[in-house]
Amino acid sequence: MHILLTGGTGLIGRRLCKHWLAQGHQLTVLSRKPDEVARLCGANVRGIAHFDDIGTQHVDAVVNLAGAPIADRPWTRKRKILLWDSRITLTEQLVTWLERREQKPDVLISGSAVGWYGDGGERELDENAQPVSEDFASRLCIAWEETAQRAETLGIRVVLVRTGLVLADEGGMLQRLLPPFKMGMGGPIGNGRQWMPWVHIEDQIALIDFLMSRDDGRGPYNACAPSPVRNRDFAKTLASVLHRPSFMPMPAVALRVLLGELSILLLGGQRARPDRLQEAGFTFRFTDLRAALENLLGRH
């Protein structure tokens, strides 16, 4: 298969490239720095700067993961514009390009996040649930999904992957949490009761591959392990795996002062369940948080 990826140089994209190269697929990655793609994604991966650079080559599948990191810095007006453009505007460009193609790909897998639901509180959220509350992250995900779904009118199967907190040993949120926890200064955020839907990077790669290969897979899927945990339990488990204490909570008021609107991501959460994935027959390798963290951080 010839697979086109946007966001292919990111955490998930690089792992997907490695996985699919091993399977013998042909890969093309859209990037602002196409000359860097081969180094980051694999020697046989082609980098392009514009969709039209593909030319007349047939594309079997598109995986759309592009988007500036949402939790890296406060949501100033300028940052919100960047977050919007890197997701919605780019996806609009992708759909417009697909409209012009004589030969359409079979499937578009488009990124999203469990933040689609907003802060869900104690509600259990399967894919049939509606947004519980609306904040910037929720509106961003809703618009992202609606834009990608326009490709259905072109006869393309559209899959929406609502990802939780991806646990990986080479980047992402977990790596940003390690320094304070290693120093024994980690702890819960706010009251620690908020739910954290998480997924091991290996399961994230496997489920995307699974959804790409299933002809009947379409619509939204919660990409998170079947066992979300509360933030305080996540902190306690991470500290235990690192053989460190966990007693330094981050007060909610301090987060609101430091991060402003962005603090919603850390103080809220989603008790999301991957019902549709499990009903489709996908089996998670990592369903226990401690086992997942030990697998990733055992050397620590």
Protein backbone atom coordinates (compact mmCIF):
# COMPACT_ATOMS: atom_id res chain seq x y z
CA MET A 1 0.00 0.00 0.00
CA HIS A 2 0.97 3.61 -0.55
CA ILE A 3 0.18 5.57 2.62
CA LEU A 4 0.29 9.35 2.90
CA LEU A 5 0.79 10.77 6.40
CA THR A 6 0.48 14.29 7.72
CA GLY A 7 2.10 14.76 11.11
CA GLY A 8 4.35 11.86 10.24
CA THR A 9 7.37 13.32 12.05
CA GLY A 10 5.51 13.48 15.38
CA LEU A 11 5.57 10.90 18.15
CA ILE A 12 2.82 8.69 16.74
CA GLY A 13 3.72 9.34 13.11
CA ARG A 14 7.34 8.22 13.50
CA ARG A 15 6.26 4.98 15.15
CA LEU A 16 3.67 4.36 12.44
CA CYS A 17 6.34 4.84 9.77
CA LYS A 18 8.61 2.32 11.46
CA HIS A 19 5.74 -0.15 11.79
CA TRP A 20 4.53 0.18 8.21
CA LEU A 21 8.01 0.19 6.68
CA ALA A 22 8.59 -3.18 8.35
CA GLN A 23 5.41 -4.40 6.64
CA GLY A 24 6.71 -3.28 3.25
CA HIS A 25 4.35 -0.33 2.64
CA GLN A 26 5.32 2.72 0.60
CA LEU A 27 5.20 5.87 2.73
CA THR A 28 5.01 9.58 1.93
CA VAL A 29 5.02 12.23 4.67
CA LEU A 30 3.80 15.80 4.27
CA SER A 31 6.11 18.07 6.25
CA ARG A 32 7.19 21.70 6.52
CA LYS A 33 10.74 20.30 6.39
CA PRO A 34 10.59 17.50 3.80
CA ASP A 35 14.37 17.15 3.74
CA GLU A 36 14.25 15.99 7.38
CA VAL A 37 11.65 13.25 6.82
CA ALA A 38 14.03 10.47 5.82
CA ARG A 39 16.15 11.05 8.92
CA LEU A 40 13.19 11.14 11.30
CA CYS A 41 10.89 8.57 9.73
CA GLY A 42 13.12 6.17 7.83
CA ALA A 43 15.49 6.21 4.87
CA ASN A 44 12.83 4.95 2.45
CA VAL A 45 10.16 7.48 3.45
CA ARG A 46 9.58 10.29 0.96
CA GLY A 47 9.04 13.82 2.28
CA ILE A 48 6.90 16.35 0.43
CA ALA A 49 6.07 19.99 1.22
CA HIS A 50 2.72 20.19 -0.61
CA PHE A 51 -0.05 17.70 -1.38
CA ASP A 52 0.33 18.29 -5.12
CA ASP A 53 3.94 17.08 -4.90
CA ILE A 54 2.53 13.53 -4.94
CA GLY A 55 1.70 14.04 -8.60
CA THR A 56 -0.31 11.27 -10.23
CA GLN A 57 0.91 8.55 -7.86
CA HIS A 58 -1.98 6.55 -6.46
CA VAL A 59 -2.51 6.79 -2.70
CA ASP A 60 -4.31 3.92 -0.97
CA ALA A 61 -4.72 5.46 2.49
CA VAL A 62 -4.27 8.83 4.19
CA VAL A 63 -3.43 9.22 7.89
CA ASN A 64 -3.99 12.79 9.04
CA LEU A 65 -2.23 13.48 12.36
CA ALA A 66 -0.89 16.99 11.79
CA GLY A 67 -1.33 19.53 14.56
CA ALA A 68 0.81 21.76 16.74
CA PRO A 69 1.17 20.43 20.33
CA ILE A 70 -1.86 21.58 22.29
CA ALA A 71 -0.40 21.50 25.81
CA ASP A 72 3.04 23.01 25.21
CA ARG A 73 2.21 26.61 26.10
CA PRO A 74 -0.71 28.82 27.21
CA TRP A 75 -3.55 29.41 24.78
CA THR A 76 -2.92 33.00 23.80
CA ARG A 77 -4.89 34.35 20.85
CA LYS A 78 -1.88 33.77 18.59
CA ARG A 79 -1.46 30.20 19.90
CA LYS A 80 -5.13 29.40 19.32
CA ILE A 81 -4.84 30.53 15.71
CA LEU A 82 -1.81 28.27 15.23
CA LEU A 83 -3.57 25.29 16.83
CA TRP A 84 -6.60 25.86 14.61
CA ASP A 85 -4.65 26.36 11.39
CA SER A 86 -2.41 23.33 11.97
CA ARG A 87 -5.46 21.09 12.31
CA ILE A 88 -8.58 22.45 10.66
CA THR A 89 -7.01 24.58 7.91
CA LEU A 90 -4.62 21.79 6.94
CA THR A 91 -7.44 19.22 6.93
CA GLU A 92 -9.48 21.56 4.71
CA GLN A 93 -6.53 21.67 2.31
CA LEU A 94 -6.32 17.87 2.42
CA VAL A 95 -10.02 17.42 1.58
CA THR A 96 -9.77 19.97 -1.25
CA TRP A 97 -6.80 18.03 -2.67
CA LEU A 98 -8.75 14.77 -2.38
CA GLU A 99 -11.66 16.34 -4.29
CA ARG A 100 -9.33 17.04 -7.22
CA ARG A 101 -7.92 13.51 -7.33
CA GLU A 102 -9.29 11.23 -10.02
CA GLN A 103 -8.30 8.16 -8.01
CA LYS A 104 -9.37 8.52 -4.39
CA PRO A 105 -7.79 6.66 -1.47
CA ASP A 106 -9.90 3.98 0.18
CA VAL A 107 -9.63 5.39 3.69
CA LEU A 108 -8.84 8.57 5.61
CA ILE A 109 -7.83 8.10 9.23
CA SER A 110 -7.97 11.48 10.91
CA GLY A 111 -6.66 12.40 14.32
CA SER A 112 -8.79 13.77 17.13
CA ALA A 113 -8.73 13.52 20.92
CA VAL A 114 -10.90 12.53 23.85
CA GLY A 115 -10.96 16.27 24.53
CA TRP A 116 -13.83 16.20 21.98
CA TYR A 117 -16.11 15.43 24.94
CA GLY A 118 -14.91 18.38 27.05
CA ASP A 119 -14.57 17.85 30.79
CA GLY A 120 -16.74 14.79 31.31
CA GLY A 121 -16.63 14.70 35.09
CA GLU A 122 -17.84 11.29 36.35
CA ARG A 123 -19.75 10.31 33.22
CA GLU A 124 -18.62 7.20 31.35
CA LEU A 125 -18.06 8.24 27.76
CA ASP A 126 -18.38 5.82 24.87
CA GLU A 127 -18.43 6.92 21.24
CA ASN A 128 -22.20 7.50 21.33
CA ALA A 129 -21.85 10.20 24.01
CA GLN A 130 -22.22 13.86 23.11
CA PRO A 131 -19.85 16.61 24.32
CA VAL A 132 -20.47 17.16 28.03
CA SER A 133 -18.97 20.64 28.20
CA GLU A 134 -17.46 22.97 25.65
CA ASP A 135 -14.03 24.56 25.88
CA PHE A 136 -11.47 25.52 23.26
CA ALA A 137 -10.02 21.99 23.03
CA SER A 138 -13.48 20.51 22.56
CA ARG A 139 -14.43 23.02 19.85
CA LEU A 140 -11.10 22.35 18.14
CA CYS A 141 -11.70 18.59 18.02
CA ILE A 142 -15.33 18.99 16.90
CA ALA A 143 -14.29 21.22 13.99
CA TRP A 144 -11.38 18.90 13.13
CA GLU A 145 -13.68 15.88 12.90
CA GLU A 146 -16.38 17.72 10.96
CA THR A 147 -13.80 18.86 8.39
CA ALA A 148 -12.38 15.36 7.95
CA GLN A 149 -15.87 13.86 7.58
CA ARG A 150 -16.40 15.92 4.42
CA ALA A 151 -14.29 13.27 2.67
CA GLU A 152 -17.17 10.80 3.08
CA THR A 153 -19.06 12.63 0.32
CA LEU A 154 -16.16 11.64 -1.98
CA GLY A 155 -16.73 7.95 -1.31
CA ILE A 156 -13.80 7.71 1.12
CA ARG A 157 -14.14 5.74 4.35
CA VAL A 158 -13.40 8.15 7.23
CA VAL A 159 -12.14 6.96 10.63
CA LEU A 160 -11.82 9.42 13.54
CA VAL A 161 -9.30 8.44 16.24
CA ARG A 162 -10.03 10.15 19.57
CA THR A 163 -6.75 9.65 21.36
CA GLY A 164 -6.15 9.88 25.11
CA LEU A 165 -2.83 10.45 26.89
CA VAL A 166 -0.25 8.50 24.86
CA LEU A 167 2.38 6.87 27.07
CA ALA A 168 5.73 6.56 25.28
CA ASP A 169 9.39 6.33 26.18
CA GLU A 170 10.58 8.78 23.54
CA GLY A 171 8.45 11.88 23.96
CA GLY A 172 4.98 13.10 24.81
CA MET A 173 3.43 14.01 28.15
CA LEU A 174 5.07 11.16 30.08
CA GLN A 175 8.55 12.44 29.30
CA ARG A 176 7.59 15.91 30.50
CA LEU A 177 6.35 14.44 33.80
CA LEU A 178 9.50 12.44 34.51
CA PRO A 179 11.88 15.20 35.77
CA PRO A 180 9.74 16.34 38.75
CA PHE A 181 8.72 12.78 39.62
CA LYS A 182 12.33 11.57 39.49
CA MET A 183 13.24 14.33 41.93
CA GLY A 184 10.48 13.20 44.28
CA MET A 185 8.46 16.33 43.57
CA GLY A 186 5.60 14.74 41.66
CA GLY A 187 2.02 14.49 42.78
CA PRO A 188 -1.62 14.90 41.79
CA ILE A 189 -2.93 17.91 39.91
CA GLY A 190 -5.63 19.87 41.70
CA ASN A 191 -7.80 17.50 43.74
CA GLY A 192 -6.56 14.55 41.65
CA ARG A 193 -10.07 13.22 41.03
CA GLN A 194 -10.14 13.96 37.30
CA TRP A 195 -10.08 10.94 35.00
CA MET A 196 -7.10 10.28 32.73
CA PRO A 197 -7.75 8.12 29.66
CA TRP A 198 -4.37 6.71 28.65
CA VAL A 199 -2.97 4.41 25.97
CA HIS A 200 0.41 2.72 25.52
CA ILE A 201 2.16 3.80 22.32
CA GLU A 202 2.29 0.19 21.07
CA ASP A 203 -1.49 -0.11 21.38
CA GLN A 204 -1.96 3.26 19.68
CA ILE A 205 0.04 2.09 16.67
CA ALA A 206 -1.71 -1.28 16.61
CA LEU A 207 -5.21 0.19 16.76
CA ILE A 208 -4.55 2.64 13.91
CA ASP A 209 -3.22 -0.24 11.80
CA PHE A 210 -6.25 -2.32 12.82
CA LEU A 211 -8.72 0.41 11.80
CA MET A 212 -6.98 1.01 8.49
CA SER A 213 -7.30 -2.64 7.52
CA ARG A 214 -10.98 -3.07 8.46
CA ASP A 215 -13.28 -2.25 5.56
CA ASP A 216 -16.22 -1.77 7.94
CA GLY A 217 -14.39 0.63 10.28
CA ARG A 218 -15.69 4.20 10.08
CA GLY A 219 -16.64 7.06 12.38
CA PRO A 220 -15.23 7.81 15.85
CA TYR A 221 -13.19 5.44 18.01
CA ASN A 222 -11.91 6.19 21.51
CA ALA A 223 -8.19 5.35 21.40
CA CYS A 224 -7.56 4.69 25.07
CA ALA A 225 -7.11 1.66 27.30
CA PRO A 226 -10.29 0.15 28.84
CA SER A 227 -9.15 1.21 32.32
CA PRO A 228 -8.87 5.00 32.74
CA VAL A 229 -7.49 6.10 36.11
CA ARG A 230 -7.91 9.15 38.28
CA ASN A 231 -5.06 11.66 38.19
CA ARG A 232 -4.09 10.96 41.81
CA ASP A 233 -3.79 7.23 41.04
CA PHE A 234 -1.76 7.96 37.93
CA ALA A 235 0.64 10.09 39.99
CA LYS A 236 0.88 7.45 42.71
CA THR A 237 1.57 4.67 40.20
CA LEU A 238 4.16 6.65 38.25
CA ALA A 239 6.00 7.57 41.47
CA SER A 240 5.93 3.95 42.61
CA VAL A 241 7.38 2.69 39.31
CA LEU A 242 10.16 5.26 39.68
CA HIS A 243 10.63 4.35 43.39
CA ARG A 244 9.90 7.92 44.42
CA PRO A 245 7.34 9.51 46.76
CA SER A 246 4.25 11.27 45.43
CA PHE A 247 3.19 14.00 47.81
CA MET A 248 3.62 17.34 46.01
CA PRO A 249 0.20 18.30 44.61
CA MET A 250 -0.07 21.13 42.10
CA PRO A 251 -2.81 23.45 43.42
CA ALA A 252 -5.56 24.19 40.93
CA VAL A 253 -5.37 27.92 41.59
CA ALA A 254 -1.65 27.98 40.73
CA LEU A 255 -2.31 26.17 37.44
CA ARG A 256 -5.03 28.63 36.50
CA VAL A 257 -2.69 31.53 37.18
CA LEU A 258 0.24 29.98 35.30
CA LEU A 259 -1.58 28.46 32.34
CA GLY A 260 -4.85 30.32 32.07
CA GLU A 261 -7.41 28.58 29.86
CA LEU A 262 -4.97 25.75 29.12
CA SER A 263 -5.34 24.58 32.74
CA ILE A 264 -8.71 23.06 31.71
CA LEU A 265 -6.79 20.23 30.03
CA LEU A 266 -5.09 19.29 33.30
CA LEU A 267 -7.88 19.97 35.78
CA GLY A 268 -10.60 18.28 33.71
CA GLY A 269 -10.73 14.79 32.24
CA GLN A 270 -12.71 12.11 30.45
CA ARG A 271 -13.77 8.71 31.73
CA ALA A 272 -13.62 7.41 28.17
CA ARG A 273 -14.15 3.79 27.12
CA PRO A 274 -12.96 2.18 23.86
CA ASP A 275 -16.25 0.35 23.30
CA ARG A 276 -16.25 0.44 19.49
CA LEU A 277 -12.67 -0.83 19.23
CA GLN A 278 -13.38 -3.75 21.53
CA GLU A 279 -16.65 -4.56 19.78
CA ALA A 280 -14.71 -4.64 16.49
CA GLY A 281 -12.35 -7.25 17.98
CA PHE A 282 -9.31 -5.16 18.84
CA THR A 283 -7.36 -6.49 21.83
CA PHE A 284 -5.28 -4.11 23.91
CA ARG A 285 -1.89 -5.42 24.96
CA PHE A 286 -1.69 -3.00 27.91
CA THR A 287 -4.80 -2.61 30.07
CA ASP A 288 -3.06 -2.07 33.43
CA LEU A 289 -1.35 1.26 34.04
CA ARG A 290 1.44 -0.12 36.21
CA ALA A 291 2.30 -2.76 33.61
CA ALA A 292 2.36 -0.10 30.88
CA LEU A 293 4.61 2.24 32.85
CA GLU A 294 6.95 -0.58 33.89
CA ASN A 295 7.24 -1.62 30.26
CA LEU A 296 8.22 1.94 29.26
CA LEU A 297 10.24 2.97 32.30
CA GLY A 298 11.62 -0.25 33.70
CA ARG A 299 15.18 0.90 33.11
CA HIS A 300 14.59 3.88 35.43
